[in-house]
Amino acid sequence: MNMEAKAIAKYVRMSPIKLISVADLVRGKDLKEALTILKFTPGKGSEIVEKVVKSAAANAENNFNMNPDALYVAEVYAHKGPTMKRWRAGAQGRASKILKRTSHVGVTLKERVKE
């Protein structure tokens, strides 16, 4: 049986470029190893991805009765969300554009099949 547990954080106030590099670190890793990597990775992006991984792990354990020791990170993504557009006073009476980017972060956990 191919069970999977998911968790998604939408409209995270961080650029997807900053989150993608963190997501690449944990893709395919065991749950405990992924959480250890995220704990010791500097930057706010690792905190956000760690929170989503923990949420997916809680979903797996509580909703699907999956074994937490057999879980691994099957999918991690950080897609682009809507961009908030803001303006700031620029030189010589002009306006400068400020783009405040958002992201959607998703994690899928699956159980490793022991042969």
N, C-alpha and C. Protein backbone atom coordinates (compact mmCIF):
# COMPACT_ATOMS: atom_id res chain seq x y z
N MET A 1 0.84 -1.17 0.00
CA MET A 1 0.00 0.00 0.00
C MET A 1 0.89 1.24 0.00
N ASN A 2 0.60 2.18 -0.90
CA ASN A 2 1.46 3.34 -1.08
C ASN A 2 0.82 4.56 -0.43
N MET A 3 1.04 4.72 0.88
CA MET A 3 0.48 5.84 1.62
C MET A 3 1.44 7.01 1.59
N GLU A 4 0.88 8.22 1.60
CA GLU A 4 1.71 9.41 1.67
C GLU A 4 1.00 10.46 2.51
N ALA A 5 1.78 11.23 3.24
CA ALA A 5 1.26 12.31 4.07
C ALA A 5 1.82 13.63 3.54
N LYS A 6 0.95 14.64 3.47
CA LYS A 6 1.35 15.92 2.90
C LYS A 6 1.12 17.05 3.90
N ALA A 7 1.85 18.12 3.69
CA ALA A 7 1.63 19.37 4.42
C ALA A 7 2.04 20.51 3.50
N ILE A 8 1.26 21.59 3.50
CA ILE A 8 1.53 22.74 2.64
C ILE A 8 1.42 24.01 3.47
N ALA A 9 2.40 24.89 3.31
CA ALA A 9 2.35 26.23 3.91
C ALA A 9 2.21 27.22 2.76
N LYS A 10 1.10 27.93 2.73
CA LYS A 10 0.86 28.86 1.63
C LYS A 10 1.12 30.30 2.06
N TYR A 11 1.46 31.12 1.09
CA TYR A 11 1.65 32.56 1.27
C TYR A 11 2.73 32.88 2.31
N VAL A 12 3.81 32.10 2.29
CA VAL A 12 4.94 32.35 3.18
C VAL A 12 5.67 33.59 2.67
N ARG A 13 5.96 34.54 3.57
CA ARG A 13 6.55 35.80 3.15
C ARG A 13 8.07 35.67 2.97
N MET A 14 8.45 34.88 1.99
CA MET A 14 9.86 34.72 1.66
C MET A 14 9.97 34.33 0.20
N SER A 15 11.01 34.80 -0.43
CA SER A 15 11.23 34.52 -1.84
C SER A 15 11.44 33.02 -2.07
N PRO A 16 10.85 32.46 -3.13
CA PRO A 16 11.03 31.03 -3.38
C PRO A 16 12.49 30.65 -3.66
N ILE A 17 13.29 31.57 -4.17
CA ILE A 17 14.69 31.27 -4.46
C ILE A 17 15.43 30.89 -3.18
N LYS A 18 15.10 31.58 -2.06
CA LYS A 18 15.76 31.30 -0.79
C LYS A 18 15.31 29.96 -0.22
N LEU A 19 14.07 29.57 -0.53
CA LEU A 19 13.53 28.33 0.02
C LEU A 19 13.92 27.10 -0.81
N ILE A 20 14.12 27.28 -2.11
CA ILE A 20 14.44 26.15 -2.99
C ILE A 20 15.78 25.52 -2.61
N SER A 21 16.77 26.36 -2.26
CA SER A 21 18.08 25.82 -1.90
C SER A 21 18.00 24.99 -0.62
N VAL A 22 17.13 25.38 0.31
CA VAL A 22 16.94 24.61 1.54
C VAL A 22 16.18 23.32 1.24
N ALA A 23 15.17 23.41 0.38
CA ALA A 23 14.38 22.23 0.03
C ALA A 23 15.23 21.16 -0.65
N ASP A 24 16.20 21.59 -1.45
CA ASP A 24 17.07 20.63 -2.14
C ASP A 24 17.95 19.83 -1.17
N LEU A 25 18.22 20.40 0.01
CA LEU A 25 19.07 19.71 0.99
C LEU A 25 18.42 18.46 1.56
N VAL A 26 17.07 18.48 1.70
CA VAL A 26 16.39 17.39 2.41
C VAL A 26 15.63 16.43 1.50
N ARG A 27 15.54 16.71 0.23
CA ARG A 27 14.79 15.85 -0.67
C ARG A 27 15.40 14.45 -0.72
N GLY A 28 14.57 13.42 -0.45
CA GLY A 28 15.02 12.04 -0.49
C GLY A 28 15.63 11.51 0.80
N LYS A 29 15.79 12.36 1.80
CA LYS A 29 16.41 11.95 3.06
C LYS A 29 15.38 11.33 4.00
N ASP A 30 15.86 10.53 4.97
CA ASP A 30 14.99 10.01 6.03
C ASP A 30 14.51 11.18 6.88
N LEU A 31 13.38 10.98 7.56
CA LEU A 31 12.76 12.06 8.33
C LEU A 31 13.69 12.62 9.40
N LYS A 32 14.30 11.74 10.19
CA LYS A 32 15.18 12.20 11.27
C LYS A 32 16.40 12.94 10.73
N GLU A 33 16.96 12.42 9.64
CA GLU A 33 18.12 13.07 9.03
C GLU A 33 17.74 14.43 8.47
N ALA A 34 16.57 14.52 7.84
CA ALA A 34 16.11 15.78 7.26
C ALA A 34 15.89 16.84 8.36
N LEU A 35 15.29 16.44 9.47
CA LEU A 35 15.06 17.38 10.57
C LEU A 35 16.38 17.85 11.18
N THR A 36 17.36 16.95 11.26
CA THR A 36 18.68 17.34 11.78
C THR A 36 19.36 18.33 10.84
N ILE A 37 19.30 18.08 9.54
CA ILE A 37 19.89 19.00 8.56
C ILE A 37 19.24 20.37 8.66
N LEU A 38 17.92 20.40 8.75
CA LEU A 38 17.20 21.68 8.81
C LEU A 38 17.49 22.43 10.11
N LYS A 39 17.67 21.69 11.19
CA LYS A 39 17.93 22.32 12.48
C LYS A 39 19.25 23.08 12.48
N PHE A 40 20.26 22.54 11.79
CA PHE A 40 21.58 23.14 11.80
C PHE A 40 21.91 23.95 10.54
N THR A 41 20.92 24.16 9.68
CA THR A 41 21.11 25.00 8.51
C THR A 41 20.76 26.44 8.89
N PRO A 42 21.67 27.39 8.67
CA PRO A 42 21.36 28.77 9.04
C PRO A 42 20.34 29.39 8.09
N GLY A 43 19.68 30.42 8.58
CA GLY A 43 18.73 31.15 7.74
C GLY A 43 17.29 30.86 8.09
N LYS A 44 16.43 31.82 7.77
CA LYS A 44 15.02 31.70 8.09
C LYS A 44 14.32 30.65 7.22
N GLY A 45 14.83 30.42 6.02
CA GLY A 45 14.23 29.45 5.11
C GLY A 45 14.20 28.05 5.69
N SER A 46 15.23 27.68 6.44
CA SER A 46 15.28 26.35 7.03
C SER A 46 14.22 26.20 8.12
N GLU A 47 13.93 27.28 8.85
CA GLU A 47 12.89 27.23 9.89
C GLU A 47 11.52 26.96 9.27
N ILE A 48 11.25 27.61 8.15
CA ILE A 48 9.96 27.45 7.48
C ILE A 48 9.80 26.03 6.94
N VAL A 49 10.83 25.52 6.25
CA VAL A 49 10.77 24.17 5.69
C VAL A 49 10.68 23.14 6.82
N GLU A 50 11.41 23.38 7.92
CA GLU A 50 11.37 22.47 9.07
C GLU A 50 9.96 22.39 9.66
N LYS A 51 9.30 23.52 9.74
CA LYS A 51 7.94 23.56 10.28
C LYS A 51 6.97 22.73 9.42
N VAL A 52 7.13 22.83 8.09
CA VAL A 52 6.26 22.08 7.18
C VAL A 52 6.57 20.59 7.24
N VAL A 53 7.86 20.22 7.37
CA VAL A 53 8.24 18.80 7.48
C VAL A 53 7.66 18.21 8.76
N LYS A 54 7.75 18.95 9.87
CA LYS A 54 7.19 18.47 11.13
C LYS A 54 5.67 18.31 11.04
N SER A 55 5.01 19.22 10.33
CA SER A 55 3.57 19.13 10.16
C SER A 55 3.19 17.89 9.35
N ALA A 56 3.95 17.62 8.28
CA ALA A 56 3.71 16.43 7.46
C ALA A 56 3.94 15.16 8.28
N ALA A 57 4.97 15.18 9.15
CA ALA A 57 5.25 14.02 9.99
C ALA A 57 4.11 13.79 10.98
N ALA A 58 3.56 14.86 11.54
CA ALA A 58 2.44 14.74 12.47
C ALA A 58 1.21 14.21 11.73
N ASN A 59 0.99 14.68 10.49
CA ASN A 59 -0.13 14.18 9.68
C ASN A 59 0.03 12.68 9.42
N ALA A 60 1.25 12.25 9.11
CA ALA A 60 1.51 10.84 8.81
C ALA A 60 1.23 9.97 10.02
N GLU A 61 1.69 10.43 11.19
CA GLU A 61 1.57 9.63 12.40
C GLU A 61 0.12 9.60 12.90
N ASN A 62 -0.54 10.75 12.94
CA ASN A 62 -1.86 10.84 13.54
C ASN A 62 -3.01 10.48 12.60
N ASN A 63 -2.90 10.85 11.34
CA ASN A 63 -4.01 10.64 10.41
C ASN A 63 -3.92 9.32 9.66
N PHE A 64 -2.68 8.84 9.41
CA PHE A 64 -2.51 7.65 8.58
C PHE A 64 -1.86 6.48 9.33
N ASN A 65 -1.55 6.66 10.62
CA ASN A 65 -0.93 5.62 11.45
C ASN A 65 0.34 5.05 10.80
N MET A 66 1.15 5.93 10.24
CA MET A 66 2.41 5.51 9.62
C MET A 66 3.51 5.47 10.68
N ASN A 67 4.50 4.62 10.46
CA ASN A 67 5.63 4.49 11.38
C ASN A 67 6.59 5.65 11.16
N PRO A 68 6.81 6.51 12.18
CA PRO A 68 7.69 7.67 11.98
C PRO A 68 9.14 7.30 11.68
N ASP A 69 9.58 6.12 12.10
CA ASP A 69 10.97 5.70 11.85
C ASP A 69 11.19 5.28 10.40
N ALA A 70 10.12 4.93 9.69
CA ALA A 70 10.25 4.47 8.31
C ALA A 70 9.96 5.57 7.29
N LEU A 71 9.68 6.79 7.76
CA LEU A 71 9.30 7.87 6.84
C LEU A 71 10.53 8.51 6.18
N TYR A 72 10.34 8.93 4.95
CA TYR A 72 11.36 9.71 4.25
C TYR A 72 10.69 10.82 3.45
N VAL A 73 11.46 11.84 3.12
CA VAL A 73 10.94 13.01 2.40
C VAL A 73 10.90 12.66 0.91
N ALA A 74 9.72 12.38 0.41
CA ALA A 74 9.58 11.99 -1.00
C ALA A 74 9.59 13.21 -1.92
N GLU A 75 8.90 14.27 -1.51
CA GLU A 75 8.81 15.49 -2.33
C GLU A 75 8.94 16.70 -1.44
N VAL A 76 9.65 17.71 -1.92
CA VAL A 76 9.69 19.03 -1.28
C VAL A 76 9.69 20.05 -2.40
N TYR A 77 8.85 21.06 -2.29
CA TYR A 77 8.86 22.11 -3.29
C TYR A 77 8.61 23.46 -2.65
N ALA A 78 9.06 24.50 -3.33
CA ALA A 78 8.79 25.88 -2.94
C ALA A 78 8.41 26.62 -4.21
N HIS A 79 7.11 26.74 -4.43
CA HIS A 79 6.61 27.40 -5.64
C HIS A 79 6.36 28.88 -5.37
N LYS A 80 6.31 29.63 -6.46
CA LYS A 80 6.08 31.05 -6.36
C LYS A 80 4.63 31.34 -6.03
N GLY A 81 4.41 32.20 -5.05
CA GLY A 81 3.07 32.65 -4.70
C GLY A 81 2.84 34.04 -5.29
N PRO A 82 1.76 34.70 -4.90
CA PRO A 82 1.51 36.05 -5.41
C PRO A 82 2.54 37.04 -4.87
N THR A 83 2.86 38.04 -5.67
CA THR A 83 3.82 39.06 -5.30
C THR A 83 3.10 40.33 -4.89
N MET A 84 3.44 40.85 -3.71
CA MET A 84 2.87 42.13 -3.27
C MET A 84 3.70 43.24 -3.88
N LYS A 85 3.05 44.18 -4.54
CA LYS A 85 3.77 45.27 -5.18
C LYS A 85 3.64 46.52 -4.32
N ARG A 86 4.79 47.12 -3.99
CA ARG A 86 4.81 48.31 -3.17
C ARG A 86 5.66 49.37 -3.87
N TRP A 87 5.49 50.63 -3.47
CA TRP A 87 6.23 51.73 -4.08
C TRP A 87 6.99 52.49 -3.01
N ARG A 88 8.13 53.03 -3.41
CA ARG A 88 8.96 53.81 -2.51
C ARG A 88 9.46 55.03 -3.26
N ALA A 89 9.60 56.11 -2.55
CA ALA A 89 10.08 57.34 -3.18
C ALA A 89 11.48 57.12 -3.75
N GLY A 90 11.65 57.53 -4.99
CA GLY A 90 12.94 57.40 -5.65
C GLY A 90 13.57 58.75 -5.88
N ALA A 91 14.69 58.78 -6.57
CA ALA A 91 15.41 60.02 -6.84
C ALA A 91 14.63 60.90 -7.81
N GLN A 92 14.73 62.20 -7.65
CA GLN A 92 14.17 63.21 -8.55
C GLN A 92 12.66 63.05 -8.70
N GLY A 93 11.97 62.74 -7.61
CA GLY A 93 10.51 62.67 -7.63
C GLY A 93 9.93 61.42 -8.27
N ARG A 94 10.76 60.46 -8.56
CA ARG A 94 10.27 59.22 -9.16
C ARG A 94 9.82 58.24 -8.08
N ALA A 95 9.21 57.16 -8.52
CA ALA A 95 8.81 56.08 -7.61
C ALA A 95 9.58 54.82 -7.98
N SER A 96 10.09 54.13 -6.97
CA SER A 96 10.80 52.87 -7.19
C SER A 96 9.89 51.72 -6.78
N LYS A 97 9.92 50.67 -7.58
CA LYS A 97 9.07 49.50 -7.31
C LYS A 97 9.75 48.58 -6.30
N ILE A 98 8.96 48.08 -5.33
CA ILE A 98 9.43 47.07 -4.39
C ILE A 98 8.54 45.85 -4.56
N LEU A 99 9.14 44.70 -4.80
CA LEU A 99 8.38 43.46 -4.96
C LEU A 99 8.57 42.59 -3.73
N LYS A 100 7.49 42.36 -3.00
CA LYS A 100 7.55 41.51 -1.82
C LYS A 100 7.01 40.14 -2.22
N ARG A 101 7.92 39.21 -2.37
CA ARG A 101 7.55 37.91 -2.92
C ARG A 101 7.03 36.96 -1.85
N THR A 102 6.15 36.04 -2.26
CA THR A 102 5.64 35.01 -1.36
C THR A 102 5.85 33.65 -2.01
N SER A 103 5.72 32.60 -1.19
CA SER A 103 5.96 31.23 -1.65
C SER A 103 4.91 30.29 -1.10
N HIS A 104 4.76 29.16 -1.77
CA HIS A 104 3.98 28.04 -1.27
C HIS A 104 4.95 26.87 -1.09
N VAL A 105 5.08 26.40 0.15
CA VAL A 105 6.03 25.32 0.46
C VAL A 105 5.24 24.05 0.75
N GLY A 106 5.60 22.97 0.09
CA GLY A 106 4.90 21.69 0.29
C GLY A 106 5.88 20.55 0.53
N VAL A 107 5.45 19.61 1.37
CA VAL A 107 6.27 18.43 1.69
C VAL A 107 5.39 17.19 1.61
N THR A 108 5.90 16.12 1.01
CA THR A 108 5.23 14.83 0.97
C THR A 108 6.15 13.80 1.60
N LEU A 109 5.63 13.08 2.58
CA LEU A 109 6.38 12.00 3.24
C LEU A 109 5.79 10.66 2.85
N LYS A 110 6.66 9.68 2.64
CA LYS A 110 6.22 8.31 2.34
C LYS A 110 6.98 7.35 3.24
N GLU A 111 6.44 6.13 3.37
CA GLU A 111 7.11 5.08 4.15
C GLU A 111 8.03 4.28 3.25
N ARG A 112 9.22 4.01 3.76
CA ARG A 112 10.14 3.13 3.01
C ARG A 112 9.66 1.69 3.15
N VAL A 113 9.66 1.00 2.04
CA VAL A 113 9.24 -0.40 2.04
C VAL A 113 10.48 -1.25 2.33
N LYS A 114 10.42 -2.04 3.39
CA LYS A 114 11.55 -2.88 3.76
C LYS A 114 11.39 -4.24 3.08
N GLU A 115 12.45 -4.65 2.41
CA GLU A 115 12.40 -5.89 1.65
C GLU A 115 13.14 -7.00 2.35
